[in-house]
C-alpha atoms as a PDB file:
ATOM      1  CA  UNK A   1      95.854 112.412 102.921  1.00  0.00           C
ATOM      2  CA  UNK A   2      92.330 112.779 101.603  1.00  0.00           C
ATOM      3  CA  UNK A   3      91.244 110.086  99.221  1.00  0.00           C
ATOM      4  CA  UNK A   4      90.388 112.621  96.509  1.00  0.00           C
ATOM      5  CA  UNK A   5      93.554 114.730  96.861  1.00  0.00           C
ATOM      6  CA  UNK A   6      96.154 114.637  94.124  1.00  0.00           C
ATOM      7  CA  UNK A   7      94.470 111.994  91.996  1.00  0.00           C
ATOM      8  CA  UNK A   8      96.829 110.646  89.392  1.00  0.00           C
ATOM      9  CA  UNK A   9      96.233 108.393  86.467  1.00  0.00           C
ATOM     10  CA  UNK A  10      96.717 105.132  88.344  1.00  0.00           C
ATOM     11  CA  UNK A  11      94.161 102.381  88.247  1.00  0.00           C
ATOM     12  CA  UNK A  12      93.509  99.031  89.826  1.00  0.00           C
ATOM     13  CA  UNK A  13      91.046  96.716  88.120  1.00  0.00           C
ATOM     14  CA  UNK A  14      89.210  94.136  90.192  1.00  0.00           C
ATOM     15  CA  UNK A  15      87.437  91.015  89.058  1.00  0.00           C
ATOM     16  CA  UNK A  16      84.549  90.033  91.275  1.00  0.00           C
ATOM     17  CA  UNK A  17      81.292  88.197  91.040  1.00  0.00           C
ATOM     18  CA  UNK A  18      77.858  89.861  91.087  1.00  0.00           C
ATOM     19  CA  UNK A  19      77.286  89.098  94.770  1.00  0.00           C
ATOM     20  CA  UNK A  20      80.580  90.696  95.771  1.00  0.00           C
ATOM     21  CA  UNK A  21      79.846  93.740  93.606  1.00  0.00           C
ATOM     22  CA  UNK A  22      76.374  94.110  95.122  1.00  0.00           C
ATOM     23  CA  UNK A  23      77.852  93.903  98.633  1.00  0.00           C
ATOM     24  CA  UNK A  24      80.329  96.679  97.835  1.00  0.00           C
ATOM     25  CA  UNK A  25      77.630  98.815  96.237  1.00  0.00           C
ATOM     26  CA  UNK A  26      75.369  98.394  99.267  1.00  0.00           C
ATOM     27  CA  UNK A  27      78.134  99.233 101.738  1.00  0.00           C
ATOM     28  CA  UNK A  28      79.214 102.258  99.688  1.00  0.00           C
ATOM     29  CA  UNK A  29      75.632 103.521  99.502  1.00  0.00           C
ATOM     30  CA  UNK A  30      75.196 103.118 103.265  1.00  0.00           C
ATOM     31  CA  UNK A  31      78.340 105.207 103.786  1.00  0.00           C
ATOM     32  CA  UNK A  32      77.245 107.814 101.246  1.00  0.00           C
ATOM     33  CA  UNK A  33      80.232 107.117  99.032  1.00  0.00           C
ATOM     34  CA  UNK A  34      80.875 106.010  95.488  1.00  0.00           C
ATOM     35  CA  UNK A  35      81.966 102.412  95.120  1.00  0.00           C
ATOM     36  CA  UNK A  36      85.434 103.560  94.034  1.00  0.00           C
ATOM     37  CA  UNK A  37      85.832 105.856  97.049  1.00  0.00           C
ATOM     38  CA  UNK A  38      84.521 103.179  99.391  1.00  0.00           C
ATOM     39  CA  UNK A  39      86.825 100.463  98.049  1.00  0.00           C
ATOM     40  CA  UNK A  40      89.803 102.839  98.128  1.00  0.00           C
ATOM     41  CA  UNK A  41      89.146 103.996 101.695  1.00  0.00           C
ATOM     42  CA  UNK A  42      88.598 100.478 103.034  1.00  0.00           C
ATOM     43  CA  UNK A  43      91.579  99.074 101.136  1.00  0.00           C
ATOM     44  CA  UNK A  44      93.911 101.808 102.368  1.00  0.00           C
ATOM     45  CA  UNK A  45      92.745 101.346 105.957  1.00  0.00           C
ATOM     46  CA  UNK A  46      93.355  97.594 105.756  1.00  0.00           C
ATOM     47  CA  UNK A  47      96.714  98.082 104.020  1.00  0.00           C
ATOM     48  CA  UNK A  48      97.912 100.566 106.647  1.00  0.00           C
ATOM     49  CA  UNK A  49      96.834  98.189 109.415  1.00  0.00           C
ATOM     50  CA  UNK A  50      98.698  95.285 107.773  1.00  0.00           C
ATOM     51  CA  UNK A  51     101.821  97.406 107.336  1.00  0.00           C
ATOM     52  CA  UNK A  52     101.720  98.558 110.962  1.00  0.00           C
ATOM     53  CA  UNK A  53     101.268  94.977 112.152  1.00  0.00           C
ATOM     54  CA  UNK A  54     104.344  93.837 110.246  1.00  0.00           C
ATOM     55  CA  UNK A  55     106.451  96.822 111.293  1.00  0.00           C
ATOM     56  CA  UNK A  56     105.702  96.481 115.005  1.00  0.00           C
ATOM     57  CA  UNK A  57     107.635  94.169 117.281  1.00  0.00           C
ATOM     58  CA  UNK A  58     105.868  93.195 120.492  1.00  0.00           C
ATOM     59  CA  UNK A  59     107.974  91.673 123.246  1.00  0.00           C
ATOM     60  CA  UNK A  60     106.927  90.044 126.476  1.00  0.00           C
ATOM     61  CA  UNK A  61     108.149  91.754 129.647  1.00  0.00           C
ATOM     62  CA  UNK A  62     110.802  89.055 130.024  1.00  0.00           C
ATOM     63  CA  UNK A  63     112.047  89.431 126.449  1.00  0.00           C
ATOM     64  CA  UNK A  64     112.053  93.228 126.724  1.00  0.00           C
ATOM     65  CA  UNK A  65     114.110  93.052 129.918  1.00  0.00           C
ATOM     66  CA  UNK A  66     116.556  90.608 128.330  1.00  0.00           C
ATOM     67  CA  UNK A  67     116.914  92.792 125.230  1.00  0.00           C
ATOM     68  CA  UNK A  68     117.555  95.942 127.270  1.00  0.00           C
ATOM     69  CA  UNK A  69     119.990  94.088 129.510  1.00  0.00           C
ATOM     70  CA  UNK A  70     121.988  92.910 126.495  1.00  0.00           C
ATOM     71  CA  UNK A  71     122.071  96.449 125.118  1.00  0.00           C
ATOM     72  CA  UNK A  72     123.339  97.806 128.425  1.00  0.00           C
ATOM     73  CA  UNK A  73     125.780  94.941 129.067  1.00  0.00           C
ATOM     74  CA  UNK A  74     126.726  93.350 125.746  1.00  0.00           C
ATOM     75  CA  UNK A  75     128.619  90.056 125.878  1.00  0.00           C
ATOM     76  CA  UNK A  76     132.244  89.928 124.789  1.00  0.00           C
ATOM     77  CA  UNK A  77     132.607  89.154 121.079  1.00  0.00           C
ATOM     78  CA  UNK A  78     133.442  85.546 120.287  1.00  0.00           C
ATOM     79  CA  UNK A  79     136.669  84.621 118.524  1.00  0.00           C
ATOM     80  CA  UNK A  80     134.741  83.994 115.303  1.00  0.00           C
ATOM     81  CA  UNK A  81     133.182  87.459 115.484  1.00  0.00           C
ATOM     82  CA  UNK A  82     136.551  89.064 116.197  1.00  0.00           C
ATOM     83  CA  UNK A  83     138.016  87.239 113.200  1.00  0.00           C
ATOM     84  CA  UNK A  84     135.148  88.350 110.956  1.00  0.00           C
ATOM     85  CA  UNK A  85     135.520  91.968 112.117  1.00  0.00           C
ATOM     86  CA  UNK A  86     139.249  91.862 111.417  1.00  0.00           C
ATOM     87  CA  UNK A  87     138.682  90.452 107.923  1.00  0.00           C
ATOM     88  CA  UNK A  88     136.140  93.195 107.243  1.00  0.00           C
ATOM     89  CA  UNK A  89     138.495  95.912 108.462  1.00  0.00           C
ATOM     90  CA  UNK A  90     141.375  94.507 106.428  1.00  0.00           C
ATOM     91  CA  UNK A  91     139.258  94.458 103.295  1.00  0.00           C
ATOM     92  CA  UNK A  92     137.232  97.685 103.562  1.00  0.00           C
ATOM     93  CA  UNK A  93     138.930 100.029 106.018  1.00  0.00           C
ATOM     94  CA  UNK A  94     142.251 100.741 104.375  1.00  0.00           C
END
């Protein structure tokens, strides 16, 4: 989505010192953007990267193979698991 599409009345206020403000103004000017557009574009890029990092699970080859093996050949449920499943069925699957 374009940064300027569908602007709504939502705001974020930032407190920063003069040096930080000057840095943002300089970077925005170098990119040919307003400070607001620059901060929004950089913040969204960083936020999307952080979200992707936390939503992605990376496994080693060994762990991937173990995971797939357990999916293909699941172990037999333990007695405790069988008991818990039975209690659940008795309570919720009438």
